[in-house]
C-alpha atoms as a PDB file:
ATOM      1  CA  UNK A   1      27.549  -5.348  -2.677  1.00  0.00           C
ATOM      2  CA  UNK A   2      26.399  -5.233   0.597  1.00  0.00           C
ATOM      3  CA  UNK A   3      23.521  -7.521   0.126  1.00  0.00           C
ATOM      4  CA  UNK A   4      23.319  -8.356  -3.614  1.00  0.00           C
ATOM      5  CA  UNK A   5      26.120 -11.236  -2.926  1.00  0.00           C
ATOM      6  CA  UNK A   6      23.524 -13.134  -0.155  1.00  0.00           C
ATOM      7  CA  UNK A   7      22.592 -15.914  -1.055  1.00  0.00           C
ATOM      8  CA  UNK A   8      21.201 -16.927  -4.193  1.00  0.00           C
ATOM      9  CA  UNK A   9      19.084 -20.381  -5.450  1.00  0.00           C
ATOM     10  CA  UNK A  10      21.373 -22.377  -7.280  1.00  0.00           C
ATOM     11  CA  UNK A  11      21.088 -23.363 -10.638  1.00  0.00           C
ATOM     12  CA  UNK A  12      20.438 -26.894 -10.283  1.00  0.00           C
ATOM     13  CA  UNK A  13      21.979 -29.996 -11.296  1.00  0.00           C
ATOM     14  CA  UNK A  14      19.947 -30.442 -14.255  1.00  0.00           C
ATOM     15  CA  UNK A  15      20.913 -26.751 -15.836  1.00  0.00           C
ATOM     16  CA  UNK A  16      24.213 -27.052 -16.048  1.00  0.00           C
ATOM     17  CA  UNK A  17      26.059 -28.247 -19.226  1.00  0.00           C
ATOM     18  CA  UNK A  18      28.857 -27.155 -21.646  1.00  0.00           C
ATOM     19  CA  UNK A  19      26.787 -24.641 -23.199  1.00  0.00           C
ATOM     20  CA  UNK A  20      26.151 -22.761 -19.623  1.00  0.00           C
ATOM     21  CA  UNK A  21      29.370 -23.525 -18.592  1.00  0.00           C
ATOM     22  CA  UNK A  22      32.056 -22.580 -21.544  1.00  0.00           C
ATOM     23  CA  UNK A  23      29.953 -22.164 -24.507  1.00  0.00           C
ATOM     24  CA  UNK A  24      28.031 -19.094 -23.563  1.00  0.00           C
ATOM     25  CA  UNK A  25      30.784 -18.004 -22.862  1.00  0.00           C
ATOM     26  CA  UNK A  26      33.031 -18.053 -25.664  1.00  0.00           C
ATOM     27  CA  UNK A  27      30.437 -17.239 -27.959  1.00  0.00           C
ATOM     28  CA  UNK A  28      30.104 -14.265 -25.984  1.00  0.00           C
ATOM     29  CA  UNK A  29      34.119 -13.326 -26.509  1.00  0.00           C
ATOM     30  CA  UNK A  30      34.349 -13.537 -29.697  1.00  0.00           C
ATOM     31  CA  UNK A  31      31.292 -12.446 -30.810  1.00  0.00           C
ATOM     32  CA  UNK A  32      31.412  -8.966 -28.854  1.00  0.00           C
ATOM     33  CA  UNK A  33      35.352  -9.418 -29.842  1.00  0.00           C
ATOM     34  CA  UNK A  34      33.926  -8.806 -34.176  1.00  0.00           C
ATOM     35  CA  UNK A  35      31.256  -6.795 -33.351  1.00  0.00           C
ATOM     36  CA  UNK A  36      33.511  -4.203 -31.861  1.00  0.00           C
ATOM     37  CA  UNK A  37      36.619  -4.589 -34.245  1.00  0.00           C
ATOM     38  CA  UNK A  38      34.141  -4.206 -36.620  1.00  0.00           C
ATOM     39  CA  UNK A  39      31.580  -1.683 -35.143  1.00  0.00           C
ATOM     40  CA  UNK A  40      34.655   0.528 -34.753  1.00  0.00           C
ATOM     41  CA  UNK A  41      34.208   3.345 -37.127  1.00  0.00           C
ATOM     42  CA  UNK A  42      30.704   3.503 -36.701  1.00  0.00           C
ATOM     43  CA  UNK A  43      30.678   3.928 -33.067  1.00  0.00           C
ATOM     44  CA  UNK A  44      33.309   6.669 -33.834  1.00  0.00           C
ATOM     45  CA  UNK A  45      30.798   8.470 -35.311  1.00  0.00           C
ATOM     46  CA  UNK A  46      28.217   7.980 -33.000  1.00  0.00           C
ATOM     47  CA  UNK A  47      30.235   9.693 -30.022  1.00  0.00           C
ATOM     48  CA  UNK A  48      31.343  12.019 -32.541  1.00  0.00           C
ATOM     49  CA  UNK A  49      27.308  13.237 -33.250  1.00  0.00           C
ATOM     50  CA  UNK A  50      26.736  12.308 -28.829  1.00  0.00           C
ATOM     51  CA  UNK A  51      29.299  15.052 -28.505  1.00  0.00           C
ATOM     52  CA  UNK A  52      28.315  17.164 -31.566  1.00  0.00           C
ATOM     53  CA  UNK A  53      24.154  17.617 -30.109  1.00  0.00           C
ATOM     54  CA  UNK A  54      24.548  18.150 -26.673  1.00  0.00           C
ATOM     55  CA  UNK A  55      27.563  19.936 -24.218  1.00  0.00           C
ATOM     56  CA  UNK A  56      28.230  16.126 -21.889  1.00  0.00           C
ATOM     57  CA  UNK A  57      30.579  13.377 -21.751  1.00  0.00           C
ATOM     58  CA  UNK A  58      29.909  10.602 -25.076  1.00  0.00           C
ATOM     59  CA  UNK A  59      29.585   8.381 -23.255  1.00  0.00           C
ATOM     60  CA  UNK A  60      27.383   7.315 -19.377  1.00  0.00           C
ATOM     61  CA  UNK A  61      27.716   4.821 -17.236  1.00  0.00           C
ATOM     62  CA  UNK A  62      25.664   3.255 -14.626  1.00  0.00           C
ATOM     63  CA  UNK A  63      26.067   0.911 -11.495  1.00  0.00           C
ATOM     64  CA  UNK A  64      24.617  -2.235 -11.825  1.00  0.00           C
ATOM     65  CA  UNK A  65      24.248  -5.673 -10.398  1.00  0.00           C
ATOM     66  CA  UNK A  66      25.231  -8.603 -11.436  1.00  0.00           C
ATOM     67  CA  UNK A  67      25.809 -12.222 -11.253  1.00  0.00           C
ATOM     68  CA  UNK A  68      26.282 -13.298  -7.706  1.00  0.00           C
ATOM     69  CA  UNK A  69      25.603  -9.796  -6.904  1.00  0.00           C
ATOM     70  CA  UNK A  70      28.260  -7.691  -7.903  1.00  0.00           C
ATOM     71  CA  UNK A  71      28.067  -3.884  -8.544  1.00  0.00           C
ATOM     72  CA  UNK A  72      29.379  -3.001 -12.490  1.00  0.00           C
ATOM     73  CA  UNK A  73      29.915   0.148 -14.177  1.00  0.00           C
ATOM     74  CA  UNK A  74      27.280  -0.877 -17.350  1.00  0.00           C
ATOM     75  CA  UNK A  75      27.678   1.856 -20.509  1.00  0.00           C
ATOM     76  CA  UNK A  76      25.735   3.111 -22.420  1.00  0.00           C
ATOM     77  CA  UNK A  77      25.777   6.319 -25.554  1.00  0.00           C
ATOM     78  CA  UNK A  78      24.472   9.512 -23.926  1.00  0.00           C
ATOM     79  CA  UNK A  79      21.288   9.884 -24.781  1.00  0.00           C
ATOM     80  CA  UNK A  80      20.500  12.207 -22.473  1.00  0.00           C
ATOM     81  CA  UNK A  81      21.296  16.274 -20.850  1.00  0.00           C
ATOM     82  CA  UNK A  82      24.329  16.057 -18.398  1.00  0.00           C
ATOM     83  CA  UNK A  83      23.444  15.187 -15.006  1.00  0.00           C
ATOM     84  CA  UNK A  84      19.497  14.297 -16.119  1.00  0.00           C
ATOM     85  CA  UNK A  85      20.326  11.747 -13.403  1.00  0.00           C
ATOM     86  CA  UNK A  86      20.512  14.642 -10.929  1.00  0.00           C
ATOM     87  CA  UNK A  87      17.128  16.501 -12.846  1.00  0.00           C
ATOM     88  CA  UNK A  88      14.623  13.679 -12.875  1.00  0.00           C
ATOM     89  CA  UNK A  89      13.582   9.707 -11.954  1.00  0.00           C
ATOM     90  CA  UNK A  90      16.084   6.453 -11.865  1.00  0.00           C
ATOM     91  CA  UNK A  91      13.057   5.556 -14.411  1.00  0.00           C
ATOM     92  CA  UNK A  92      12.796   7.343 -18.213  1.00  0.00           C
ATOM     93  CA  UNK A  93       9.245   7.293 -19.418  1.00  0.00           C
ATOM     94  CA  UNK A  94       7.632   8.519 -22.660  1.00  0.00           C
ATOM     95  CA  UNK A  95       7.913  12.317 -22.973  1.00  0.00           C
ATOM     96  CA  UNK A  96      10.912  12.503 -20.757  1.00  0.00           C
ATOM     97  CA  UNK A  97      11.800  16.593 -21.150  1.00  0.00           C
ATOM     98  CA  UNK A  98      16.136  14.885 -20.220  1.00  0.00           C
ATOM     99  CA  UNK A  99      16.232  12.777 -23.541  1.00  0.00           C
ATOM    100  CA  UNK A 100      18.241  14.982 -26.351  1.00  0.00           C
ATOM    101  CA  UNK A 101      16.828  14.388 -29.846  1.00  0.00           C
ATOM    102  CA  UNK A 102      19.977  12.201 -30.856  1.00  0.00           C
ATOM    103  CA  UNK A 103      19.072  10.041 -27.946  1.00  0.00           C
ATOM    104  CA  UNK A 104      15.994  10.104 -28.636  1.00  0.00           C
ATOM    105  CA  UNK A 105      17.056   8.249 -31.718  1.00  0.00           C
ATOM    106  CA  UNK A 106      19.838   6.063 -30.243  1.00  0.00           C
ATOM    107  CA  UNK A 107      17.227   4.920 -28.140  1.00  0.00           C
ATOM    108  CA  UNK A 108      14.514   3.658 -30.362  1.00  0.00           C
ATOM    109  CA  UNK A 109      17.538   2.023 -32.498  1.00  0.00           C
ATOM    110  CA  UNK A 110      19.340   0.810 -28.877  1.00  0.00           C
ATOM    111  CA  UNK A 111      22.573   1.851 -30.940  1.00  0.00           C
ATOM    112  CA  UNK A 112      23.094   2.961 -27.605  1.00  0.00           C
ATOM    113  CA  UNK A 113      23.072  -0.014 -26.035  1.00  0.00           C
ATOM    114  CA  UNK A 114      26.117  -1.186 -28.427  1.00  0.00           C
ATOM    115  CA  UNK A 115      28.731  -0.555 -26.415  1.00  0.00           C
ATOM    116  CA  UNK A 116      27.354  -2.787 -23.039  1.00  0.00           C
ATOM    117  CA  UNK A 117      29.538  -4.860 -26.379  1.00  0.00           C
ATOM    118  CA  UNK A 118      32.837  -3.738 -24.351  1.00  0.00           C
ATOM    119  CA  UNK A 119      30.883  -5.666 -20.693  1.00  0.00           C
ATOM    120  CA  UNK A 120      30.304  -8.101 -22.285  1.00  0.00           C
ATOM    121  CA  UNK A 121      34.194  -8.567 -23.442  1.00  0.00           C
ATOM    122  CA  UNK A 122      35.362  -7.917 -19.966  1.00  0.00           C
ATOM    123  CA  UNK A 123      32.545 -10.491 -18.938  1.00  0.00           C
ATOM    124  CA  UNK A 124      30.396  -8.907 -17.065  1.00  0.00           C
ATOM    125  CA  UNK A 125      27.747  -8.958 -18.790  1.00  0.00           C
ATOM    126  CA  UNK A 126      26.282 -11.768 -22.149  1.00  0.00           C
ATOM    127  CA  UNK A 127      25.109 -11.278 -25.067  1.00  0.00           C
ATOM    128  CA  UNK A 128      21.801 -12.625 -23.602  1.00  0.00           C
ATOM    129  CA  UNK A 129      20.248 -12.680 -19.955  1.00  0.00           C
ATOM    130  CA  UNK A 130      18.255 -10.706 -18.340  1.00  0.00           C
ATOM    131  CA  UNK A 131      19.129  -6.795 -18.069  1.00  0.00           C
ATOM    132  CA  UNK A 132      20.914  -5.995 -15.042  1.00  0.00           C
ATOM    133  CA  UNK A 133      18.783  -4.405 -12.687  1.00  0.00           C
ATOM    134  CA  UNK A 134      19.561  -0.827 -10.351  1.00  0.00           C
ATOM    135  CA  UNK A 135      20.412  -1.289  -6.836  1.00  0.00           C
ATOM    136  CA  UNK A 136      17.333  -0.125  -5.757  1.00  0.00           C
ATOM    137  CA  UNK A 137      15.195  -2.348  -7.772  1.00  0.00           C
ATOM    138  CA  UNK A 138      17.919  -5.365  -6.895  1.00  0.00           C
ATOM    139  CA  UNK A 139      17.195  -4.999  -3.016  1.00  0.00           C
ATOM    140  CA  UNK A 140      13.167  -5.101  -3.304  1.00  0.00           C
ATOM    141  CA  UNK A 141      13.531  -9.300  -5.437  1.00  0.00           C
ATOM    142  CA  UNK A 142      11.761 -11.938  -3.280  1.00  0.00           C
ATOM    143  CA  UNK A 143      14.261 -15.290  -3.034  1.00  0.00           C
ATOM    144  CA  UNK A 144      13.459 -16.314  -5.876  1.00  0.00           C
ATOM    145  CA  UNK A 145      13.162 -13.232  -8.024  1.00  0.00           C
ATOM    146  CA  UNK A 146      17.548 -13.451  -6.813  1.00  0.00           C
ATOM    147  CA  UNK A 147      17.174 -16.303  -9.340  1.00  0.00           C
ATOM    148  CA  UNK A 148      18.283 -14.284 -11.835  1.00  0.00           C
ATOM    149  CA  UNK A 149      21.383 -12.822 -10.631  1.00  0.00           C
ATOM    150  CA  UNK A 150      22.505 -16.721 -10.300  1.00  0.00           C
ATOM    151  CA  UNK A 151      23.318 -16.183 -14.499  1.00  0.00           C
ATOM    152  CA  UNK A 152      25.432 -12.853 -16.531  1.00  0.00           C
ATOM    153  CA  UNK A 153      23.388 -10.211 -17.363  1.00  0.00           C
ATOM    154  CA  UNK A 154      22.841  -9.246 -21.087  1.00  0.00           C
ATOM    155  CA  UNK A 155      22.534  -6.560 -23.756  1.00  0.00           C
ATOM    156  CA  UNK A 156      19.128  -8.498 -24.379  1.00  0.00           C
ATOM    157  CA  UNK A 157      16.516 -11.112 -23.585  1.00  0.00           C
ATOM    158  CA  UNK A 158      12.947 -12.746 -23.773  1.00  0.00           C
ATOM    159  CA  UNK A 159      12.191  -9.286 -21.456  1.00  0.00           C
ATOM    160  CA  UNK A 160      13.874  -6.567 -23.103  1.00  0.00           C
ATOM    161  CA  UNK A 161      12.261  -8.391 -26.984  1.00  0.00           C
ATOM    162  CA  UNK A 162       8.415  -8.228 -24.716  1.00  0.00           C
ATOM    163  CA  UNK A 163       8.773  -4.713 -23.170  1.00  0.00           C
ATOM    164  CA  UNK A 164      10.987  -3.556 -26.530  1.00  0.00           C
ATOM    165  CA  UNK A 165       8.382  -0.535 -25.859  1.00  0.00           C
ATOM    166  CA  UNK A 166       8.880   0.246 -22.292  1.00  0.00           C
ATOM    167  CA  UNK A 167       8.730   3.586 -22.352  1.00  0.00           C
ATOM    168  CA  UNK A 168       5.863   4.451 -23.852  1.00  0.00           C
ATOM    169  CA  UNK A 169       4.571   1.924 -21.888  1.00  0.00           C
ATOM    170  CA  UNK A 170       5.091   4.135 -18.348  1.00  0.00           C
ATOM    171  CA  UNK A 171       4.229   7.484 -20.278  1.00  0.00           C
ATOM    172  CA  UNK A 172       0.893   6.506 -20.061  1.00  0.00           C
ATOM    173  CA  UNK A 173       0.738   5.670 -16.134  1.00  0.00           C
ATOM    174  CA  UNK A 174       1.180   8.943 -13.436  1.00  0.00           C
ATOM    175  CA  UNK A 175       3.651   7.513 -11.218  1.00  0.00           C
ATOM    176  CA  UNK A 176       5.456   5.186 -14.116  1.00  0.00           C
ATOM    177  CA  UNK A 177       8.643   4.534 -10.833  1.00  0.00           C
ATOM    178  CA  UNK A 178       5.534   2.377  -9.603  1.00  0.00           C
ATOM    179  CA  UNK A 179       3.773   0.833 -11.680  1.00  0.00           C
ATOM    180  CA  UNK A 180       7.842  -0.607 -13.430  1.00  0.00           C
ATOM    181  CA  UNK A 181       8.481  -1.871  -9.839  1.00  0.00           C
ATOM    182  CA  UNK A 182       5.104  -2.862  -9.359  1.00  0.00           C
ATOM    183  CA  UNK A 183       3.938  -4.677 -12.418  1.00  0.00           C
ATOM    184  CA  UNK A 184       6.753  -4.118 -15.335  1.00  0.00           C
ATOM    185  CA  UNK A 185       9.369  -5.730 -12.936  1.00  0.00           C
ATOM    186  CA  UNK A 186       7.908  -8.643 -11.613  1.00  0.00           C
ATOM    187  CA  UNK A 187       6.926  -9.864 -14.687  1.00  0.00           C
ATOM    188  CA  UNK A 188      10.320  -9.257 -16.752  1.00  0.00           C
ATOM    189  CA  UNK A 189      12.041 -11.623 -13.606  1.00  0.00           C
ATOM    190  CA  UNK A 190       8.979 -14.418 -14.380  1.00  0.00           C
ATOM    191  CA  UNK A 191      10.670 -14.144 -17.839  1.00  0.00           C
ATOM    192  CA  UNK A 192      13.746 -13.799 -17.310  1.00  0.00           C
ATOM    193  CA  UNK A 193      13.396 -17.078 -14.879  1.00  0.00           C
ATOM    194  CA  UNK A 194      11.814 -18.546 -18.074  1.00  0.00           C
ATOM    195  CA  UNK A 195      14.971 -18.015 -19.885  1.00  0.00           C
ATOM    196  CA  UNK A 196      16.744 -19.244 -17.184  1.00  0.00           C
ATOM    197  CA  UNK A 197      15.203 -23.027 -18.000  1.00  0.00           C
ATOM    198  CA  UNK A 198      15.260 -22.509 -21.329  1.00  0.00           C
ATOM    199  CA  UNK A 199      19.102 -21.522 -21.823  1.00  0.00           C
ATOM    200  CA  UNK A 200      20.652 -23.024 -25.195  1.00  0.00           C
ATOM    201  CA  UNK A 201      22.804 -21.538 -28.199  1.00  0.00           C
ATOM    202  CA  UNK A 202      20.059 -22.363 -30.393  1.00  0.00           C
ATOM    203  CA  UNK A 203      17.619 -20.794 -28.027  1.00  0.00           C
ATOM    204  CA  UNK A 204      19.860 -17.220 -27.647  1.00  0.00           C
ATOM    205  CA  UNK A 205      20.382 -17.586 -31.559  1.00  0.00           C
ATOM    206  CA  UNK A 206      16.636 -16.982 -31.876  1.00  0.00           C
ATOM    207  CA  UNK A 207      16.239 -14.242 -29.122  1.00  0.00           C
ATOM    208  CA  UNK A 208      19.460 -12.723 -31.401  1.00  0.00           C
ATOM    209  CA  UNK A 209      16.877 -12.857 -34.205  1.00  0.00           C
ATOM    210  CA  UNK A 210      14.064 -11.762 -32.493  1.00  0.00           C
ATOM    211  CA  UNK A 211      16.016  -8.594 -31.577  1.00  0.00           C
ATOM    212  CA  UNK A 212      17.181  -7.431 -34.319  1.00  0.00           C
ATOM    213  CA  UNK A 213      14.205  -7.984 -35.925  1.00  0.00           C
ATOM    214  CA  UNK A 214      12.329  -6.452 -33.373  1.00  0.00           C
ATOM    215  CA  UNK A 215      14.613  -2.899 -33.902  1.00  0.00           C
ATOM    216  CA  UNK A 216      14.102  -2.801 -37.680  1.00  0.00           C
ATOM    217  CA  UNK A 217      10.560  -3.591 -37.735  1.00  0.00           C
ATOM    218  CA  UNK A 218      10.309  -0.343 -34.944  1.00  0.00           C
ATOM    219  CA  UNK A 219      12.449   1.667 -37.065  1.00  0.00           C
ATOM    220  CA  UNK A 220      10.124   1.959 -39.643  1.00  0.00           C
ATOM    221  CA  UNK A 221       7.296   2.877 -37.661  1.00  0.00           C
END
């Protein structure tokens, strides 16, 4: 964990409440468990297609920084060639040759993120919350930005909706990693802190519905 566990800006007293402390976790457990059970046949089919369309493991895992600076392994359906981490940058932009043909479909539809329901069930993530970042990026957070580590990271959030076409945005830059660090990531962190200020059951539900809507719109474009 190292520096990721060093002092974080704590939640203020007025940000406490039943939903934040108990209700949010209860919803996470109930929804993630039900979704994993209901989607199990679909997940098996996707896993078979991942394995059939390109050599390598079905799932991809990677270290991310979670609540309190604790590292955990995030799970995704593999959407890139095996060993992609050693064959290019850590960030992915549009046109990345490492993305497989079927992987491109998974990424556009966000189906590759569904295995993170297991991370939610385990308590490493929440359904809604700031997207967990790579340790290398978190290491550059300013003190105020580290406030996002005071809550559990999520599968979706305000920034995920605003930047649903992030790979295309980064693909327009001559240096995607630098553009992400200096422009995209700081704006995402502003949106993440905005989310922390507004956490409530209704706000989380609104973000989930907006996420579903954005995926439907993207799939029809």
